[in-house]
Amino acid sequence: MSATAGARKRGKPASGAGAGAGAGKRRRKADSAGNRGKSKGGGKMNEEISSDSESESLAPRKPEEEEEELEETAQEKKLRLAKLYLEQLRQQEEEKAEARAFEEDQVAGRLKEDVLEQRGRLQKSVAKEIQAPASADIRVLRGHQLSVTCLVITPDDSAIFSAAKDCTIIKWSVESGRKLHVIPRAKKGAEGKPSGHSSHVLCMAISSDGKYLASGDRSKLILIWEAQSCQHLYTFTGHRDAVSGLAFRRGTHQLYSTSHDRSVKVWNVAENSYVETLFGHQDTVAALDALSRECCVMAGGRDGTVRVWKIPEESQLVFYGHQGSIDCIHLINEEHMVPGADDGSVALWGLSKKRPLA
């Protein structure tokens, strides 16, 4: 009993140690298994966490977060509107600056044109080429009984005045081609001032403002009309032969007239007064033209000369070059003129040279 008990006593600790070692092994195995389980469980946890995050993202947000986002959206909107307003202001200022620059350019260009026009050096591009009009675009106006001798167009291109050997003057509408007014032939021996011409009308001129119309006839008379109403205003007498040319000085109511009596007369239409007479041609004066300067150009008839009169100095420049009689003349600008002769020649003259340019 005692030996058996001692053996049991001695075996207890041994068996206890073995049991402890077995238990330790079992614990280690369990720990390793637990670790493996934990690692597997960890994967599951990770998967569950990711699914939880997705569910959280899909879940409704809290009111506080929504209020914060609303506040940020309003600020962004204010910032965007402010930027848009500033951009609009910038564009408006740029447009104003462009408009001011354009107006300044227009004023400067207009002043430059005025200076060049006064000096007779203004050049305007009319067209690059001339194209003949179609037959359908040509309108024929009929109303005179005899040959048409002259015509003028109003400055606004709205009406045409035509005169003829039948002693009548007709005002036409450019747009419709209809007669607007007819100044009939005056009866000879009528008392008072004539209301029309009693002989062939040879020349006409209209002022640059379209207010006055002047007409000259073979009976030495110059009649002044109100262009709008065709009412007779004045009658200028003084030439001793047929009046062959009339021209208004541009921008004024000063009228130049020439006649077969070889003289040039200066009139002030606005004041209904005579100014002076200029002499120089040796033969009948056929035509006359003038621009803005205080000078006029005449074409001599059979003497073959072109004369430029400087009114204030009462002097003249004489140009020779044509063989035949000069019948017409036109001032292109203050520095160039084009006379035409009955020999079929046309020349371009510069007023500063004694020979034709072309």
Protein backbone atom coordinates (compact mmCIF):
# COMPACT_ATOMS: atom_id res chain seq x y z
CA MET A 1 0.00 0.00 0.00
CA SER A 2 2.72 2.31 1.01
CA ALA A 3 4.83 1.46 -2.05
CA THR A 4 1.90 1.76 -4.29
CA ALA A 5 0.95 5.04 -2.75
CA GLY A 6 4.50 6.29 -3.02
CA ALA A 7 4.63 5.27 -6.59
CA ARG A 8 1.40 7.10 -7.22
CA LYS A 9 2.73 10.07 -5.36
CA ARG A 10 5.89 9.98 -7.36
CA GLY A 11 3.92 9.40 -10.57
CA LYS A 12 1.56 12.26 -9.97
CA PRO A 13 4.04 14.90 -10.62
CA ALA A 14 5.40 12.97 -13.59
CA SER A 15 1.97 12.30 -14.89
CA GLY A 16 1.07 15.95 -14.15
CA ALA A 17 4.11 17.16 -16.03
CA GLY A 18 3.25 14.93 -18.96
CA ALA A 19 -0.26 16.10 -18.82
CA GLY A 20 0.98 19.70 -18.67
CA ALA A 21 3.22 19.05 -21.64
CA GLY A 22 0.34 17.44 -23.51
CA ALA A 23 -1.86 20.28 -22.55
CA GLY A 24 0.79 22.74 -23.77
CA LYS A 25 1.02 20.91 -27.06
CA ARG A 26 -2.70 20.88 -27.32
CA ARG A 27 -2.77 24.61 -26.54
CA ARG A 28 -0.12 25.31 -29.15
CA LYS A 29 -2.09 23.29 -31.67
CA ALA A 30 -5.21 25.06 -30.65
CA ASP A 31 -3.41 28.39 -30.85
CA SER A 32 -2.10 27.57 -34.27
CA ALA A 33 -5.51 26.40 -35.31
CA GLY A 34 -6.96 29.45 -33.68
CA ASN A 35 -4.49 31.61 -35.52
CA ARG A 36 -5.41 29.94 -38.76
CA GLY A 37 -9.05 30.38 -37.87
CA LYS A 38 -8.38 33.95 -36.98
CA SER A 39 -6.62 34.51 -40.24
CA LYS A 40 -9.56 33.01 -42.06
CA GLY A 41 -11.90 34.91 -39.84
CA GLY A 42 -9.87 38.04 -40.54
CA GLY A 43 -10.51 37.60 -44.25
CA LYS A 44 -14.12 37.31 -43.54
CA MET A 45 -13.92 40.40 -41.37
CA ASN A 46 -12.20 42.29 -44.12
CA GLU A 47 -14.87 41.26 -46.55
CA GLU A 48 -17.52 42.24 -44.08
CA ILE A 49 -15.83 45.62 -43.50
CA SER A 50 -15.75 46.37 -47.21
CA SER A 51 -19.39 45.47 -47.53
CA ASP A 52 -20.14 47.61 -44.52
CA SER A 53 -18.41 50.57 -46.18
CA GLU A 54 -20.48 50.08 -49.29
CA SER A 55 -23.61 49.90 -47.25
CA GLU A 56 -22.52 53.03 -45.42
CA SER A 57 -22.02 54.82 -48.70
CA LEU A 58 -25.48 53.82 -49.82
CA ALA A 59 -27.01 54.67 -46.52
CA PRO A 60 -28.68 58.12 -46.14
CA ARG A 61 -26.39 60.86 -44.92
CA LYS A 62 -26.87 62.80 -41.82
CA PRO A 63 -28.61 66.18 -41.96
CA GLU A 64 -25.46 67.91 -40.69
CA GLU A 65 -23.43 66.66 -43.66
CA GLU A 66 -26.20 67.75 -46.09
CA GLU A 67 -26.28 71.25 -44.57
CA GLU A 68 -22.52 71.55 -44.94
CA GLU A 69 -22.71 70.54 -48.61
CA LEU A 70 -25.61 73.00 -49.21
CA GLU A 71 -23.57 75.80 -47.67
CA GLU A 72 -20.62 74.99 -49.93
CA THR A 73 -22.84 74.92 -53.04
CA ALA A 74 -24.23 78.37 -52.27
CA GLN A 75 -20.73 79.75 -51.87
CA GLU A 76 -19.65 78.24 -55.12
CA LYS A 77 -22.69 79.73 -56.82
CA LYS A 78 -21.92 83.18 -55.44
CA LEU A 79 -18.35 82.88 -56.64
CA ARG A 80 -19.47 81.80 -60.09
CA LEU A 81 -21.97 84.67 -60.38
CA ALA A 82 -19.34 87.14 -59.24
CA LYS A 83 -16.91 85.91 -61.88
CA LEU A 84 -19.65 86.13 -64.53
CA TYR A 85 -20.53 89.69 -63.52
CA LEU A 86 -16.89 90.74 -63.66
CA GLU A 87 -16.56 89.19 -67.10
CA GLN A 88 -19.62 91.09 -68.31
CA LEU A 89 -18.21 94.35 -66.96
CA ARG A 90 -14.91 93.67 -68.72
CA GLN A 91 -16.66 92.99 -72.02
CA GLN A 92 -18.76 96.15 -71.71
CA GLU A 93 -15.67 98.25 -71.02
CA GLU A 94 -13.90 96.73 -74.01
CA GLU A 95 -16.91 97.50 -76.25
CA LYS A 96 -17.00 101.08 -74.98
CA ALA A 97 -13.28 101.47 -75.61
CA GLU A 98 -13.69 100.09 -79.14
CA ALA A 99 -16.63 102.45 -79.79
CA ARG A 100 -14.60 105.44 -78.55
CA ALA A 101 -11.64 104.45 -80.70
CA PHE A 102 -13.96 104.02 -83.69
CA GLU A 103 -15.52 107.44 -83.16
CA GLU A 104 -12.10 109.04 -82.79
CA ASP A 105 -10.97 107.34 -85.98
CA GLN A 106 -14.11 108.56 -87.75
CA VAL A 107 -13.61 112.15 -86.59
CA ALA A 108 -9.93 112.09 -87.53
CA GLY A 109 -10.75 110.54 -90.91
CA ARG A 110 -13.47 113.13 -91.58
CA LEU A 111 -11.13 116.00 -90.71
CA LYS A 112 -8.44 114.54 -92.92
CA GLU A 113 -10.91 114.20 -95.80
CA ASP A 114 -12.02 117.81 -95.36
CA VAL A 115 -8.41 119.05 -95.45
CA LEU A 116 -7.58 116.97 -98.52
CA GLU A 117 -10.78 118.11 -100.24
CA GLN A 118 -9.96 121.75 -99.59
CA ARG A 119 -6.50 121.21 -101.01
CA GLY A 120 -7.94 119.34 -103.99
CA ARG A 121 -6.05 116.13 -103.21
CA LEU A 122 -8.85 113.92 -101.97
CA GLN A 123 -9.03 110.60 -103.80
CA LYS A 124 -11.97 108.22 -103.52
CA SER A 125 -12.11 104.69 -104.86
CA VAL A 126 -15.27 104.45 -106.95
CA ALA A 127 -14.87 101.09 -108.69
CA LYS A 128 -12.17 98.75 -109.94
CA GLU A 129 -13.79 98.26 -113.31
CA ILE A 130 -16.72 99.52 -115.37
CA GLN A 131 -19.40 97.09 -116.38
CA ALA A 132 -21.88 98.03 -119.07
CA PRO A 133 -25.47 98.02 -117.80
CA ALA A 134 -27.94 95.49 -119.08
CA SER A 135 -30.56 96.71 -121.52
CA ALA A 136 -33.27 95.95 -118.96
CA ASP A 137 -31.61 98.33 -116.48
CA ILE A 138 -31.69 101.32 -118.85
CA ARG A 139 -34.69 103.58 -118.36
CA VAL A 140 -35.72 106.08 -121.02
CA LEU A 141 -37.51 109.23 -119.87
CA ARG A 142 -39.64 110.98 -122.46
CA GLY A 143 -41.28 114.36 -122.06
CA HIS A 144 -39.47 117.03 -124.10
CA GLN A 145 -40.61 117.97 -127.56
CA LEU A 146 -37.16 119.00 -128.82
CA SER A 147 -33.53 118.06 -128.17
CA VAL A 148 -32.35 117.91 -124.56
CA THR A 149 -29.49 120.36 -124.04
CA CYS A 150 -28.50 119.86 -120.38
CA LEU A 151 -29.40 118.14 -117.13
CA VAL A 152 -28.38 118.12 -113.47
CA ILE A 153 -28.92 115.67 -110.61
CA THR A 154 -29.80 116.77 -107.08
CA PRO A 155 -27.11 116.16 -104.43
CA ASP A 156 -29.22 113.46 -102.75
CA ASP A 157 -29.69 111.65 -106.11
CA SER A 158 -33.46 111.75 -105.73
CA ALA A 159 -34.37 113.90 -108.73
CA ILE A 160 -33.14 114.97 -112.17
CA PHE A 161 -33.67 118.33 -113.88
CA SER A 162 -33.60 118.30 -117.66
CA ALA A 163 -33.84 121.24 -120.07
CA ALA A 164 -34.31 121.32 -123.83
CA LYS A 165 -34.63 123.51 -126.88
CA ASP A 166 -38.38 123.56 -126.34
CA CYS A 167 -37.66 126.07 -123.49
CA THR A 168 -39.05 123.76 -120.81
CA ILE A 169 -37.48 122.31 -117.66
CA ILE A 170 -38.74 119.01 -116.25
CA LYS A 171 -38.07 117.59 -112.81
CA TRP A 172 -38.00 113.76 -112.77
CA SER A 173 -38.08 111.22 -109.96
CA VAL A 174 -35.05 108.95 -110.11
CA GLU A 175 -36.83 106.09 -108.37
CA SER A 176 -40.06 106.00 -110.35
CA GLY A 177 -39.07 107.89 -113.51
CA ARG A 178 -42.20 110.03 -113.32
CA LYS A 179 -42.48 113.76 -113.85
CA LEU A 180 -42.54 115.65 -110.58
CA HIS A 181 -42.85 119.15 -112.03
CA VAL A 182 -42.78 120.89 -115.42
CA ILE A 183 -41.65 124.49 -115.87
CA PRO A 184 -43.40 125.51 -119.11
CA ARG A 185 -42.20 127.87 -121.77
CA ALA A 186 -42.80 131.54 -121.04
CA LYS A 187 -44.90 133.52 -123.44
CA LYS A 188 -43.16 136.43 -125.05
CA GLY A 189 -44.49 139.84 -124.10
CA ALA A 190 -45.89 138.60 -120.79
CA GLU A 191 -46.03 141.28 -118.14
CA GLY A 192 -43.92 141.03 -115.01
CA LYS A 193 -41.14 138.58 -114.34
CA PRO A 194 -41.03 135.56 -116.61
CA SER A 195 -42.13 132.28 -115.07
CA GLY A 196 -40.01 130.34 -117.55
CA HIS A 197 -37.64 130.57 -120.50
CA SER A 198 -38.71 131.94 -123.87
CA SER A 199 -35.68 130.61 -125.79
CA HIS A 200 -33.44 127.54 -125.83
CA VAL A 201 -32.17 126.57 -122.37
CA LEU A 202 -28.42 125.95 -122.81
CA CYS A 203 -27.11 125.25 -119.30
CA MET A 204 -28.14 124.52 -115.71
CA ALA A 205 -26.49 124.20 -112.29
CA ILE A 206 -27.69 123.22 -108.81
CA SER A 207 -26.16 124.29 -105.50
CA SER A 208 -24.36 121.71 -103.37
CA ASP A 209 -27.08 121.90 -100.71
CA GLY A 210 -29.82 121.36 -103.30
CA LYS A 211 -31.56 124.64 -102.48
CA TYR A 212 -31.11 126.67 -105.68
CA LEU A 213 -31.36 125.77 -109.36
CA ALA A 214 -29.92 128.13 -111.98
CA SER A 215 -30.70 127.97 -115.71
CA GLY A 216 -29.33 130.03 -118.59
CA ASP A 217 -30.80 130.51 -122.05
CA ARG A 218 -30.07 131.94 -125.46
CA SER A 219 -31.85 135.19 -124.64
CA LYS A 220 -29.04 136.26 -122.21
CA LEU A 221 -31.05 135.51 -119.05
CA ILE A 222 -30.19 133.52 -115.93
CA LEU A 223 -33.20 132.34 -113.94
CA ILE A 224 -32.92 131.23 -110.32
CA TRP A 225 -35.40 128.65 -109.00
CA GLU A 226 -36.14 127.02 -105.69
CA ALA A 227 -35.16 123.43 -106.46
CA GLN A 228 -37.71 121.79 -104.16
CA SER A 229 -40.84 123.58 -105.35
CA CYS A 230 -39.56 124.80 -108.77
CA GLN A 231 -40.75 128.30 -107.87
CA HIS A 232 -39.07 131.18 -109.69
CA LEU A 233 -37.07 133.45 -107.39
CA TYR A 234 -34.76 135.82 -109.30
CA THR A 235 -33.67 136.79 -112.80
CA PHE A 236 -30.06 137.84 -113.45
CA THR A 237 -29.34 140.04 -116.43
CA GLY A 238 -26.02 141.44 -117.65
CA HIS A 239 -24.63 139.15 -120.30
CA ARG A 240 -24.69 140.53 -123.82
CA ASP A 241 -25.03 137.17 -125.54
CA ALA A 242 -26.31 133.66 -124.92
CA VAL A 243 -25.44 132.18 -121.50
CA SER A 244 -23.40 129.03 -122.21
CA GLY A 245 -22.19 127.84 -118.82
CA LEU A 246 -23.18 127.88 -115.12
CA ALA A 247 -21.53 126.49 -111.99
CA PHE A 248 -22.03 126.90 -108.25
CA ARG A 249 -19.02 127.05 -105.99
CA ARG A 250 -19.23 123.97 -103.79
CA GLY A 251 -20.42 124.63 -100.25
CA THR A 252 -21.63 128.15 -101.07
CA HIS A 253 -24.33 129.98 -103.03
CA GLN A 254 -21.79 131.78 -105.21
CA LEU A 255 -22.64 131.33 -108.89
CA TYR A 256 -20.30 131.60 -111.89
CA SER A 257 -21.75 132.22 -115.36
CA THR A 258 -20.13 132.45 -118.76
CA SER A 259 -21.46 133.56 -122.10
CA HIS A 260 -20.80 133.83 -125.80
CA ASP A 261 -19.84 137.44 -125.04
CA ARG A 262 -16.45 136.02 -123.85
CA SER A 263 -16.95 137.12 -120.23
CA VAL A 264 -17.37 135.44 -116.84
CA LYS A 265 -19.64 136.91 -114.20
CA VAL A 266 -19.82 136.20 -110.48
CA TRP A 267 -23.16 136.32 -108.61
CA ASN A 268 -24.33 135.89 -105.02
CA VAL A 269 -27.60 133.99 -105.30
CA ALA A 270 -28.48 134.06 -101.59
CA GLU A 271 -28.35 137.88 -101.63
CA ASN A 272 -29.66 138.25 -105.19
CA SER A 273 -26.67 140.38 -106.15
CA TYR A 274 -24.04 140.78 -108.86
CA VAL A 275 -20.38 140.67 -107.78
CA GLU A 276 -17.97 141.20 -110.70
CA THR A 277 -17.07 140.42 -114.34
CA LEU A 278 -13.89 138.77 -115.65
CA PHE A 279 -12.54 139.04 -119.21
CA GLY A 280 -9.81 137.17 -121.04
CA HIS A 281 -11.03 134.82 -123.75
CA GLN A 282 -10.57 135.76 -127.36
CA ASP A 283 -13.56 133.81 -128.61
CA THR A 284 -16.87 132.33 -127.51
CA VAL A 285 -16.70 130.52 -124.13
CA ALA A 286 -18.36 127.13 -124.42
CA ALA A 287 -18.35 125.65 -120.91
CA LEU A 288 -17.47 126.28 -117.27
CA ASP A 289 -16.90 124.24 -114.10
CA ALA A 290 -15.98 124.96 -110.47
CA LEU A 291 -15.35 123.18 -107.17
CA SER A 292 -14.81 124.39 -103.62
CA ARG A 293 -11.92 126.77 -104.21
CA GLU A 294 -12.61 130.38 -105.12
CA CYS A 295 -11.66 129.81 -108.72
CA CYS A 296 -13.38 128.53 -111.83
CA VAL A 297 -12.29 126.84 -115.01
CA MET A 298 -13.55 127.75 -118.46
CA ALA A 299 -13.17 126.12 -121.81
CA GLY A 300 -12.62 128.49 -124.66
CA GLY A 301 -14.28 127.84 -127.96
CA ARG A 302 -12.43 128.47 -131.19
CA ASP A 303 -9.39 130.03 -129.50
CA GLY A 304 -8.45 126.50 -128.28
CA THR A 305 -7.47 127.59 -124.76
CA VAL A 306 -8.42 126.50 -121.25
CA ARG A 307 -8.31 129.25 -118.65
CA VAL A 308 -8.24 128.93 -114.89
CA TRP A 309 -9.47 132.04 -113.14
CA LYS A 310 -8.36 132.94 -109.61
CA ILE A 311 -11.19 135.16 -108.45
CA PRO A 312 -9.59 137.00 -105.47
CA GLU A 313 -6.41 137.84 -107.42
CA GLU A 314 -8.35 138.51 -110.64
CA SER A 315 -5.68 136.56 -112.47
CA GLN A 316 -5.77 133.63 -114.87
CA LEU A 317 -3.70 130.68 -116.07
CA VAL A 318 -3.87 129.87 -119.77
CA PHE A 319 -3.41 126.31 -121.10
CA TYR A 320 -2.77 125.48 -124.76
CA GLY A 321 -2.77 122.03 -126.26
CA HIS A 322 -5.88 121.25 -128.29
CA GLN A 323 -6.06 121.82 -132.03
CA GLY A 324 -9.82 122.11 -132.30
CA SER A 325 -12.49 124.02 -130.48
CA ILE A 326 -12.93 123.03 -126.82
CA ASP A 327 -16.58 122.30 -126.16
CA CYS A 328 -16.70 120.92 -122.60
CA ILE A 329 -14.60 120.70 -119.44
CA HIS A 330 -14.82 118.98 -116.09
CA LEU A 331 -12.83 119.38 -112.87
CA ILE A 332 -11.90 115.98 -111.39
CA ASN A 333 -10.49 117.64 -108.26
CA GLU A 334 -8.83 120.92 -107.34
CA GLU A 335 -5.63 119.88 -109.13
CA HIS A 336 -6.81 118.09 -112.29
CA MET A 337 -9.20 118.90 -115.15
CA VAL A 338 -10.40 117.13 -118.29
CA PRO A 339 -11.32 119.23 -121.36
CA GLY A 340 -12.84 117.75 -124.51
CA ALA A 341 -12.49 119.13 -128.03
CA ASP A 342 -14.51 118.79 -131.20
CA ASP A 343 -11.64 116.85 -132.82
CA GLY A 344 -12.52 113.90 -130.57
CA SER A 345 -9.58 114.31 -128.19
CA VAL A 346 -9.78 114.26 -124.39
CA ALA A 347 -6.81 115.32 -122.23
CA LEU A 348 -5.95 115.15 -118.54
CA TRP A 349 -4.33 118.32 -117.27
CA GLY A 350 -2.67 119.14 -113.97
CA LEU A 351 -3.17 122.74 -112.92
CA SER A 352 0.49 123.01 -111.93
CA LYS A 353 1.84 122.02 -115.37
CA LYS A 354 1.49 123.56 -118.79
CA ARG A 355 1.39 120.26 -120.63
CA PRO A 356 -1.30 117.57 -120.48
CA LEU A 357 -0.52 114.57 -118.30
CA ALA A 358 -2.33 112.19 -120.65
